[in-house]
Amino acid sequence: MVMMWKEKKVSTEERSRSLPRDCHPIISKLEREVILAVDSSTAAPPLERLTKLERVYIAAADVLQLPCTRRDLRRRRGAADTLLEQLLSFADAYGSLRMALLSVQDLSREAEAAIRRRHVARLGGAASSLRRAAKEIAALVNSLPPPPAAAGDFAEMTTATLSLSSLVFNVVISAVATAAAAVAQPKVVSVAALWRRRRRPVSAAVSEEWERRATLGIKEMEERLFGLHSAVEKVYRALIAARITLLNAITLP
């Protein structure tokens, strides 16, 4: 399970140090989106969390286009560079998660085909690949930026992203790891070995139980991850758009 980030409580006075919020109401909109994202219940489905995160970065891109924001970030280039790095880290993580989910979909289809054909070797291979996928997704958390040290609108946005991301990544890791365990061959008997030794089908009870368990495990994973690839894709694109907008804000005249 990945680390759960805790949101840092800051006062209105501290938040005002980041952006001149009286220059445009869009800045207040970003603040509202961040608050809605942070207030998201831990019991909320991952699709809801990702939708809120996408809205945060759509609002952030709007804020980054404001002249007052551009002036402020150009005066505080160090803060702008830090935000650029944070956006890059998040985009890389979500881009990798997007590809990992595609891979998991392929492994799910491979496992289902192996179950139908009762192909022991391929089903065992699918289990190993699912375990490896769960570990790779867990490792993505290490690429996320650390919690921000300073207060402000963009710092709160980063903290909210860390919190929501840990929740979403946890769901994916748990779903894939659980499916891998369900698909793995029973420890009480080596089905492949029985096939090799006896040259005849294994015990019907063992075979049917494994097939039932593997089928349910794959089905549960697919249900838990349903729609996540599309939602992750949208967050990824929103992150990329926000980063490009920030680059333009601090480099273009």
C-alpha atoms as a PDB file:
ATOM      1  CA  MET A   1       0.000   0.000   0.000  1.00  0.00           C
ATOM      2  CA  VAL A   2       1.298   3.436  -0.857  1.00  0.00           C
ATOM      3  CA  MET A   3       1.749   6.308   1.526  1.00  0.00           C
ATOM      4  CA  MET A   4      -1.290   8.410   2.431  1.00  0.00           C
ATOM      5  CA  TRP A   5      -0.485  12.101   2.213  1.00  0.00           C
ATOM      6  CA  LYS A   6      -1.946  14.448   4.805  1.00  0.00           C
ATOM      7  CA  GLU A   7      -3.181  17.856   3.745  1.00  0.00           C
ATOM      8  CA  LYS A   8      -1.479  20.788   5.450  1.00  0.00           C
ATOM      9  CA  LYS A   9      -3.916  23.285   6.950  1.00  0.00           C
ATOM     10  CA  VAL A  10      -3.068  26.874   6.151  1.00  0.00           C
ATOM     11  CA  SER A  11      -4.734  30.164   6.932  1.00  0.00           C
ATOM     12  CA  THR A  12      -6.252  32.598   4.473  1.00  0.00           C
ATOM     13  CA  GLU A  13      -3.363  34.956   5.214  1.00  0.00           C
ATOM     14  CA  GLU A  14      -0.828  32.285   4.252  1.00  0.00           C
ATOM     15  CA  ARG A  15      -2.721  31.403   1.069  1.00  0.00           C
ATOM     16  CA  SER A  16      -2.736  35.043  -0.014  1.00  0.00           C
ATOM     17  CA  ARG A  17       1.048  35.000  -0.245  1.00  0.00           C
ATOM     18  CA  SER A  18       0.873  32.821  -3.351  1.00  0.00           C
ATOM     19  CA  LEU A  19      -1.412  34.671  -5.757  1.00  0.00           C
ATOM     20  CA  PRO A  20      -3.060  38.098  -5.798  1.00  0.00           C
ATOM     21  CA  ARG A  21      -6.544  36.555  -5.593  1.00  0.00           C
ATOM     22  CA  ASP A  22      -8.286  39.917  -5.938  1.00  0.00           C
ATOM     23  CA  CYS A  23      -7.027  40.269  -9.518  1.00  0.00           C
ATOM     24  CA  HIS A  24      -9.494  37.754 -10.979  1.00  0.00           C
ATOM     25  CA  PRO A  25     -12.339  35.484  -9.752  1.00  0.00           C
ATOM     26  CA  ILE A  26     -10.797  32.512 -11.590  1.00  0.00           C
ATOM     27  CA  ILE A  27      -8.239  32.294  -8.778  1.00  0.00           C
ATOM     28  CA  SER A  28     -11.061  31.747  -6.301  1.00  0.00           C
ATOM     29  CA  LYS A  29     -12.430  29.046  -8.608  1.00  0.00           C
ATOM     30  CA  LEU A  30      -9.135  27.173  -8.398  1.00  0.00           C
ATOM     31  CA  GLU A  31      -9.259  27.426  -4.622  1.00  0.00           C
ATOM     32  CA  ARG A  32     -12.798  25.989  -4.608  1.00  0.00           C
ATOM     33  CA  GLU A  33     -11.792  23.080  -6.844  1.00  0.00           C
ATOM     34  CA  VAL A  34      -8.853  22.265  -4.564  1.00  0.00           C
ATOM     35  CA  ILE A  35     -11.105  22.362  -1.499  1.00  0.00           C
ATOM     36  CA  LEU A  36     -13.628  20.050  -3.198  1.00  0.00           C
ATOM     37  CA  ALA A  37     -10.836  17.649  -4.128  1.00  0.00           C
ATOM     38  CA  VAL A  38      -9.366  17.618  -0.618  1.00  0.00           C
ATOM     39  CA  ASP A  39     -12.793  17.171   0.953  1.00  0.00           C
ATOM     40  CA  SER A  40     -13.413  14.098  -1.207  1.00  0.00           C
ATOM     41  CA  SER A  41     -14.367  11.201   1.031  1.00  0.00           C
ATOM     42  CA  THR A  42     -11.877   8.359   1.261  1.00  0.00           C
ATOM     43  CA  ALA A  43     -14.844   6.121   0.463  1.00  0.00           C
ATOM     44  CA  ALA A  44     -15.464   7.927  -2.831  1.00  0.00           C
ATOM     45  CA  PRO A  45     -14.834   5.785  -5.918  1.00  0.00           C
ATOM     46  CA  PRO A  46     -11.546   6.397  -7.733  1.00  0.00           C
ATOM     47  CA  LEU A  47     -13.345   7.702 -10.819  1.00  0.00           C
ATOM     48  CA  GLU A  48     -14.842  10.508  -8.723  1.00  0.00           C
ATOM     49  CA  ARG A  49     -11.442  11.354  -7.251  1.00  0.00           C
ATOM     50  CA  LEU A  50      -9.844  11.480 -10.693  1.00  0.00           C
ATOM     51  CA  THR A  51     -12.629  13.677 -12.054  1.00  0.00           C
ATOM     52  CA  LYS A  52     -12.051  16.154  -9.221  1.00  0.00           C
ATOM     53  CA  LEU A  53      -8.322  16.101  -9.874  1.00  0.00           C
ATOM     54  CA  GLU A  54      -8.857  16.778 -13.578  1.00  0.00           C
ATOM     55  CA  ARG A  55     -11.034  19.784 -12.693  1.00  0.00           C
ATOM     56  CA  VAL A  56      -8.311  21.133 -10.413  1.00  0.00           C
ATOM     57  CA  TYR A  57      -5.789  21.223 -13.247  1.00  0.00           C
ATOM     58  CA  ILE A  58      -8.237  22.626 -15.771  1.00  0.00           C
ATOM     59  CA  ALA A  59      -8.820  25.491 -13.328  1.00  0.00           C
ATOM     60  CA  ALA A  60      -5.063  25.783 -12.732  1.00  0.00           C
ATOM     61  CA  ALA A  61      -4.421  26.179 -16.464  1.00  0.00           C
ATOM     62  CA  ASP A  62      -6.981  29.015 -16.551  1.00  0.00           C
ATOM     63  CA  VAL A  63      -5.279  30.730 -13.609  1.00  0.00           C
ATOM     64  CA  LEU A  64      -1.844  30.383 -15.215  1.00  0.00           C
ATOM     65  CA  GLN A  65      -3.058  32.331 -18.257  1.00  0.00           C
ATOM     66  CA  LEU A  66      -3.983  35.394 -16.215  1.00  0.00           C
ATOM     67  CA  PRO A  67      -1.664  38.403 -16.610  1.00  0.00           C
ATOM     68  CA  CYS A  68      -1.506  38.877 -12.845  1.00  0.00           C
ATOM     69  CA  THR A  69      -0.409  35.256 -12.386  1.00  0.00           C
ATOM     70  CA  ARG A  70       2.208  35.566 -15.115  1.00  0.00           C
ATOM     71  CA  ARG A  71       3.656  38.678 -13.486  1.00  0.00           C
ATOM     72  CA  ASP A  72       3.689  37.049 -10.070  1.00  0.00           C
ATOM     73  CA  LEU A  73       5.415  33.864 -11.282  1.00  0.00           C
ATOM     74  CA  ARG A  74       8.016  35.807 -13.239  1.00  0.00           C
ATOM     75  CA  ARG A  75       8.898  37.687 -10.075  1.00  0.00           C
ATOM     76  CA  ARG A  76       9.144  34.403  -8.182  1.00  0.00           C
ATOM     77  CA  ARG A  77      10.962  32.279 -10.760  1.00  0.00           C
ATOM     78  CA  GLY A  78      12.133  29.785  -8.161  1.00  0.00           C
ATOM     79  CA  ALA A  79       8.520  28.984  -7.232  1.00  0.00           C
ATOM     80  CA  ALA A  80       7.634  28.682 -10.924  1.00  0.00           C
ATOM     81  CA  ASP A  81      10.502  26.254 -11.537  1.00  0.00           C
ATOM     82  CA  THR A  82       9.413  24.166  -8.554  1.00  0.00           C
ATOM     83  CA  LEU A  83       5.875  24.014  -9.907  1.00  0.00           C
ATOM     84  CA  LEU A  84       7.217  22.981 -13.318  1.00  0.00           C
ATOM     85  CA  GLU A  85       9.080  20.069 -11.734  1.00  0.00           C
ATOM     86  CA  GLN A  86       6.041  19.035  -9.718  1.00  0.00           C
ATOM     87  CA  LEU A  87       3.813  19.035 -12.784  1.00  0.00           C
ATOM     88  CA  LEU A  88       6.393  16.996 -14.686  1.00  0.00           C
ATOM     89  CA  SER A  89       6.592  14.427 -11.882  1.00  0.00           C
ATOM     90  CA  PHE A  90       2.823  14.073 -11.716  1.00  0.00           C
ATOM     91  CA  ALA A  91       2.504  13.855 -15.503  1.00  0.00           C
ATOM     92  CA  ASP A  92       5.193  11.164 -15.675  1.00  0.00           C
ATOM     93  CA  ALA A  93       3.476   9.153 -12.924  1.00  0.00           C
ATOM     94  CA  TYR A  94       0.045   9.367 -14.506  1.00  0.00           C
ATOM     95  CA  GLY A  95       1.441   8.676 -17.965  1.00  0.00           C
ATOM     96  CA  SER A  96       3.098   5.532 -16.601  1.00  0.00           C
ATOM     97  CA  LEU A  97      -0.090   4.537 -14.766  1.00  0.00           C
ATOM     98  CA  ARG A  98      -2.027   4.956 -18.005  1.00  0.00           C
ATOM     99  CA  MET A  99       0.316   2.537 -19.789  1.00  0.00           C
ATOM    100  CA  ALA A 100       0.278   0.130 -16.836  1.00  0.00           C
ATOM    101  CA  LEU A 101      -3.517  -0.021 -16.930  1.00  0.00           C
ATOM    102  CA  LEU A 102      -3.402  -0.872 -20.630  1.00  0.00           C
ATOM    103  CA  SER A 103      -0.943  -3.660 -19.848  1.00  0.00           C
ATOM    104  CA  VAL A 104      -3.203  -4.956 -17.073  1.00  0.00           C
ATOM    105  CA  GLN A 105      -6.117  -5.038 -19.516  1.00  0.00           C
ATOM    106  CA  ASP A 106      -4.047  -7.189 -21.874  1.00  0.00           C
ATOM    107  CA  LEU A 107      -3.038  -9.494 -19.007  1.00  0.00           C
ATOM    108  CA  SER A 108      -6.683  -9.800 -17.988  1.00  0.00           C
ATOM    109  CA  ARG A 109      -7.650 -10.972 -21.478  1.00  0.00           C
ATOM    110  CA  GLU A 110      -4.682 -13.357 -21.529  1.00  0.00           C
ATOM    111  CA  ALA A 111      -5.707 -14.854 -18.173  1.00  0.00           C
ATOM    112  CA  GLU A 112      -9.318 -15.270 -19.290  1.00  0.00           C
ATOM    113  CA  ALA A 113      -8.197 -17.080 -22.447  1.00  0.00           C
ATOM    114  CA  ALA A 114      -5.923 -19.361 -20.407  1.00  0.00           C
ATOM    115  CA  ILE A 115      -8.795 -20.164 -18.030  1.00  0.00           C
ATOM    116  CA  ARG A 116     -11.127 -21.075 -20.890  1.00  0.00           C
ATOM    117  CA  ARG A 117      -8.507 -23.320 -22.472  1.00  0.00           C
ATOM    118  CA  ARG A 118      -7.268 -24.608 -19.105  1.00  0.00           C
ATOM    119  CA  HIS A 119      -3.741 -23.716 -20.130  1.00  0.00           C
ATOM    120  CA  VAL A 120      -1.740 -24.096 -16.906  1.00  0.00           C
ATOM    121  CA  ALA A 121       1.518 -22.514 -18.060  1.00  0.00           C
ATOM    122  CA  ARG A 122      -0.118 -19.426 -19.534  1.00  0.00           C
ATOM    123  CA  LEU A 123      -2.291 -18.897 -16.479  1.00  0.00           C
ATOM    124  CA  GLY A 124       0.764 -19.110 -14.233  1.00  0.00           C
ATOM    125  CA  GLY A 125       2.557 -16.654 -16.502  1.00  0.00           C
ATOM    126  CA  ALA A 126      -0.365 -14.230 -16.273  1.00  0.00           C
ATOM    127  CA  ALA A 127      -0.239 -14.420 -12.476  1.00  0.00           C
ATOM    128  CA  SER A 128       3.478 -13.593 -12.470  1.00  0.00           C
ATOM    129  CA  SER A 129       2.941 -10.693 -14.860  1.00  0.00           C
ATOM    130  CA  LEU A 130       0.120  -9.295 -12.713  1.00  0.00           C
ATOM    131  CA  ARG A 131       2.313  -9.448  -9.601  1.00  0.00           C
ATOM    132  CA  ARG A 132       5.061  -7.613 -11.460  1.00  0.00           C
ATOM    133  CA  ALA A 133       2.576  -4.990 -12.688  1.00  0.00           C
ATOM    134  CA  ALA A 134       1.374  -4.346  -9.122  1.00  0.00           C
ATOM    135  CA  LYS A 135       4.972  -3.808  -7.963  1.00  0.00           C
ATOM    136  CA  GLU A 136       5.723  -1.455 -10.861  1.00  0.00           C
ATOM    137  CA  ILE A 137       2.630   0.640 -10.119  1.00  0.00           C
ATOM    138  CA  ALA A 138       3.602   0.814  -6.429  1.00  0.00           C
ATOM    139  CA  ALA A 139       7.078   1.985  -7.462  1.00  0.00           C
ATOM    140  CA  LEU A 140       5.537   4.932  -9.339  1.00  0.00           C
ATOM    141  CA  VAL A 141       4.738   6.551  -5.992  1.00  0.00           C
ATOM    142  CA  ASN A 142       8.454   7.101  -5.434  1.00  0.00           C
ATOM    143  CA  SER A 143       8.512   9.353  -8.492  1.00  0.00           C
ATOM    144  CA  LEU A 144       5.955  11.746  -7.026  1.00  0.00           C
ATOM    145  CA  PRO A 145       7.267  15.060  -5.661  1.00  0.00           C
ATOM    146  CA  PRO A 146       7.570  15.568  -1.891  1.00  0.00           C
ATOM    147  CA  PRO A 147       4.908  17.586  -0.038  1.00  0.00           C
ATOM    148  CA  PRO A 148       5.437  21.329  -0.615  1.00  0.00           C
ATOM    149  CA  ALA A 149       7.275  23.242   2.081  1.00  0.00           C
ATOM    150  CA  ALA A 150       5.606  26.601   1.452  1.00  0.00           C
ATOM    151  CA  ALA A 151       1.931  27.536   1.665  1.00  0.00           C
ATOM    152  CA  GLY A 152      -0.156  28.933  -1.184  1.00  0.00           C
ATOM    153  CA  ASP A 153      -2.698  28.044  -3.853  1.00  0.00           C
ATOM    154  CA  PHE A 154      -0.326  25.980  -5.968  1.00  0.00           C
ATOM    155  CA  ALA A 155       1.153  24.344  -2.863  1.00  0.00           C
ATOM    156  CA  GLU A 156      -2.336  23.307  -1.767  1.00  0.00           C
ATOM    157  CA  MET A 157      -2.960  21.996  -5.272  1.00  0.00           C
ATOM    158  CA  THR A 158       0.171  19.848  -5.055  1.00  0.00           C
ATOM    159  CA  THR A 159      -0.803  18.538  -1.624  1.00  0.00           C
ATOM    160  CA  ALA A 160      -4.300  17.665  -2.855  1.00  0.00           C
ATOM    161  CA  THR A 161      -2.796  15.862  -5.846  1.00  0.00           C
ATOM    162  CA  LEU A 162      -0.534  13.800  -3.604  1.00  0.00           C
ATOM    163  CA  SER A 163      -3.449  12.853  -1.371  1.00  0.00           C
ATOM    164  CA  LEU A 164      -5.824  11.882  -4.181  1.00  0.00           C
ATOM    165  CA  SER A 165      -3.082  10.117  -6.128  1.00  0.00           C
ATOM    166  CA  SER A 166      -2.165   7.909  -3.182  1.00  0.00           C
ATOM    167  CA  LEU A 167      -5.805   6.858  -2.837  1.00  0.00           C
ATOM    168  CA  VAL A 168      -6.164   6.058  -6.528  1.00  0.00           C
ATOM    169  CA  PHE A 169      -2.839   4.228  -6.744  1.00  0.00           C
ATOM    170  CA  ASN A 170      -3.803   2.174  -3.698  1.00  0.00           C
ATOM    171  CA  VAL A 171      -7.006   1.028  -5.410  1.00  0.00           C
ATOM    172  CA  VAL A 172      -5.126  -0.035  -8.537  1.00  0.00           C
ATOM    173  CA  ILE A 173      -2.345  -1.801  -6.641  1.00  0.00           C
ATOM    174  CA  SER A 174      -4.814  -3.671  -4.456  1.00  0.00           C
ATOM    175  CA  ALA A 175      -6.992  -4.740  -7.393  1.00  0.00           C
ATOM    176  CA  VAL A 176      -4.065  -6.044  -9.463  1.00  0.00           C
ATOM    177  CA  ALA A 177      -2.323  -7.774  -6.545  1.00  0.00           C
ATOM    178  CA  THR A 178      -5.560  -9.470  -5.453  1.00  0.00           C
ATOM    179  CA  ALA A 179      -6.169 -10.737  -8.987  1.00  0.00           C
ATOM    180  CA  ALA A 180      -2.596 -12.042  -9.199  1.00  0.00           C
ATOM    181  CA  ALA A 181      -3.103 -14.013  -5.986  1.00  0.00           C
ATOM    182  CA  ALA A 182      -6.376 -15.452  -7.271  1.00  0.00           C
ATOM    183  CA  VAL A 183      -4.861 -16.527 -10.589  1.00  0.00           C
ATOM    184  CA  ALA A 184      -1.732 -18.064  -9.053  1.00  0.00           C
ATOM    185  CA  GLN A 185      -1.713 -21.855  -8.986  1.00  0.00           C
ATOM    186  CA  PRO A 186      -2.654 -23.542  -5.685  1.00  0.00           C
ATOM    187  CA  LYS A 187       0.241 -23.991  -3.295  1.00  0.00           C
ATOM    188  CA  VAL A 188      -1.065 -27.309  -2.061  1.00  0.00           C
ATOM    189  CA  VAL A 189      -0.344 -29.037  -5.333  1.00  0.00           C
ATOM    190  CA  SER A 190       1.776 -28.334  -8.394  1.00  0.00           C
ATOM    191  CA  VAL A 191      -0.744 -28.651 -11.179  1.00  0.00           C
ATOM    192  CA  ALA A 192       1.893 -28.453 -13.896  1.00  0.00           C
ATOM    193  CA  ALA A 193       3.923 -31.176 -12.170  1.00  0.00           C
ATOM    194  CA  LEU A 194       0.901 -33.453 -11.991  1.00  0.00           C
ATOM    195  CA  TRP A 195       0.308 -32.953 -15.661  1.00  0.00           C
ATOM    196  CA  ARG A 196       3.923 -33.831 -16.465  1.00  0.00           C
ATOM    197  CA  ARG A 197       4.091 -36.890 -14.224  1.00  0.00           C
ATOM    198  CA  ARG A 198       0.766 -38.513 -14.918  1.00  0.00           C
ATOM    199  CA  ARG A 199       0.163 -37.336 -18.462  1.00  0.00           C
ATOM    200  CA  ARG A 200      -3.518 -37.026 -17.574  1.00  0.00           C
ATOM    201  CA  PRO A 201      -5.833 -34.313 -16.203  1.00  0.00           C
ATOM    202  CA  VAL A 202      -5.369 -33.250 -12.591  1.00  0.00           C
ATOM    203  CA  SER A 203      -7.916 -33.802  -9.867  1.00  0.00           C
ATOM    204  CA  ALA A 204     -11.243 -32.350 -10.980  1.00  0.00           C
ATOM    205  CA  ALA A 205     -11.723 -30.708  -7.582  1.00  0.00           C
ATOM    206  CA  VAL A 206      -8.361 -28.902  -7.741  1.00  0.00           C
ATOM    207  CA  SER A 207      -8.820 -27.876 -11.362  1.00  0.00           C
ATOM    208  CA  GLU A 208     -12.356 -26.560 -10.926  1.00  0.00           C
ATOM    209  CA  GLU A 209     -11.532 -24.666  -7.740  1.00  0.00           C
ATOM    210  CA  TRP A 210      -8.564 -22.962  -9.379  1.00  0.00           C
ATOM    211  CA  GLU A 211     -10.646 -22.091 -12.423  1.00  0.00           C
ATOM    212  CA  ARG A 212     -13.442 -20.673 -10.259  1.00  0.00           C
ATOM    213  CA  ARG A 213     -11.058 -18.659  -8.093  1.00  0.00           C
ATOM    214  CA  ALA A 214      -9.109 -17.284 -11.064  1.00  0.00           C
ATOM    215  CA  THR A 215     -12.283 -16.343 -12.927  1.00  0.00           C
ATOM    216  CA  LEU A 216     -13.698 -14.475  -9.929  1.00  0.00           C
ATOM    217  CA  GLY A 217     -10.359 -12.751  -9.296  1.00  0.00           C
ATOM    218  CA  ILE A 218     -10.094 -11.424 -12.847  1.00  0.00           C
ATOM    219  CA  LYS A 219     -13.743 -10.338 -12.859  1.00  0.00           C
ATOM    220  CA  GLU A 220     -13.337  -8.451  -9.583  1.00  0.00           C
ATOM    221  CA  MET A 221     -10.227  -6.669 -10.857  1.00  0.00           C
ATOM    222  CA  GLU A 222     -11.989  -5.616 -14.046  1.00  0.00           C
ATOM    223  CA  GLU A 223     -14.916  -4.246 -12.045  1.00  0.00           C
ATOM    224  CA  ARG A 224     -12.655  -2.296  -9.672  1.00  0.00           C
ATOM    225  CA  LEU A 225     -10.621  -0.811 -12.519  1.00  0.00           C
ATOM    226  CA  PHE A 226     -13.535  -0.166 -14.880  1.00  0.00           C
ATOM    227  CA  GLY A 227     -13.220   3.234 -16.553  1.00  0.00           C
ATOM    228  CA  LEU A 228      -9.979   4.124 -14.772  1.00  0.00           C
ATOM    229  CA  HIS A 229      -7.816   4.199 -17.891  1.00  0.00           C
ATOM    230  CA  SER A 230      -9.969   6.898 -19.492  1.00  0.00           C
ATOM    231  CA  ALA A 231     -10.058   8.937 -16.263  1.00  0.00           C
ATOM    232  CA  VAL A 232      -6.283   8.641 -15.790  1.00  0.00           C
ATOM    233  CA  GLU A 233      -5.822   9.710 -19.414  1.00  0.00           C
ATOM    234  CA  LYS A 234      -7.859  12.868 -18.756  1.00  0.00           C
ATOM    235  CA  VAL A 235      -5.833  13.740 -15.654  1.00  0.00           C
ATOM    236  CA  TYR A 236      -2.613  13.153 -17.588  1.00  0.00           C
ATOM    237  CA  ARG A 237      -3.718  15.493 -20.372  1.00  0.00           C
ATOM    238  CA  ALA A 238      -4.834  18.141 -17.876  1.00  0.00           C
ATOM    239  CA  LEU A 239      -1.417  17.973 -16.200  1.00  0.00           C
ATOM    240  CA  ILE A 240       0.382  18.328 -19.525  1.00  0.00           C
ATOM    241  CA  ALA A 241      -1.836  21.270 -20.512  1.00  0.00           C
ATOM    242  CA  ALA A 242      -1.186  23.015 -17.190  1.00  0.00           C
ATOM    243  CA  ARG A 243       2.562  22.540 -17.533  1.00  0.00           C
ATOM    244  CA  ILE A 244       2.608  23.898 -21.093  1.00  0.00           C
ATOM    245  CA  THR A 245       0.550  26.891 -19.949  1.00  0.00           C
ATOM    246  CA  LEU A 246       3.014  27.512 -17.121  1.00  0.00           C
ATOM    247  CA  LEU A 247       5.968  27.324 -19.492  1.00  0.00           C
ATOM    248  CA  ASN A 248       4.317  29.858 -21.776  1.00  0.00           C
ATOM    249  CA  ALA A 249       3.482  32.087 -18.815  1.00  0.00           C
ATOM    250  CA  ILE A 250       7.087  32.421 -17.713  1.00  0.00           C
ATOM    251  CA  THR A 251       8.825  32.392 -21.103  1.00  0.00           C
ATOM    252  CA  LEU A 252       6.607  34.152 -23.643  1.00  0.00           C
ATOM    253  CA  PRO A 253       6.597  37.965 -23.722  1.00  0.00           C
END
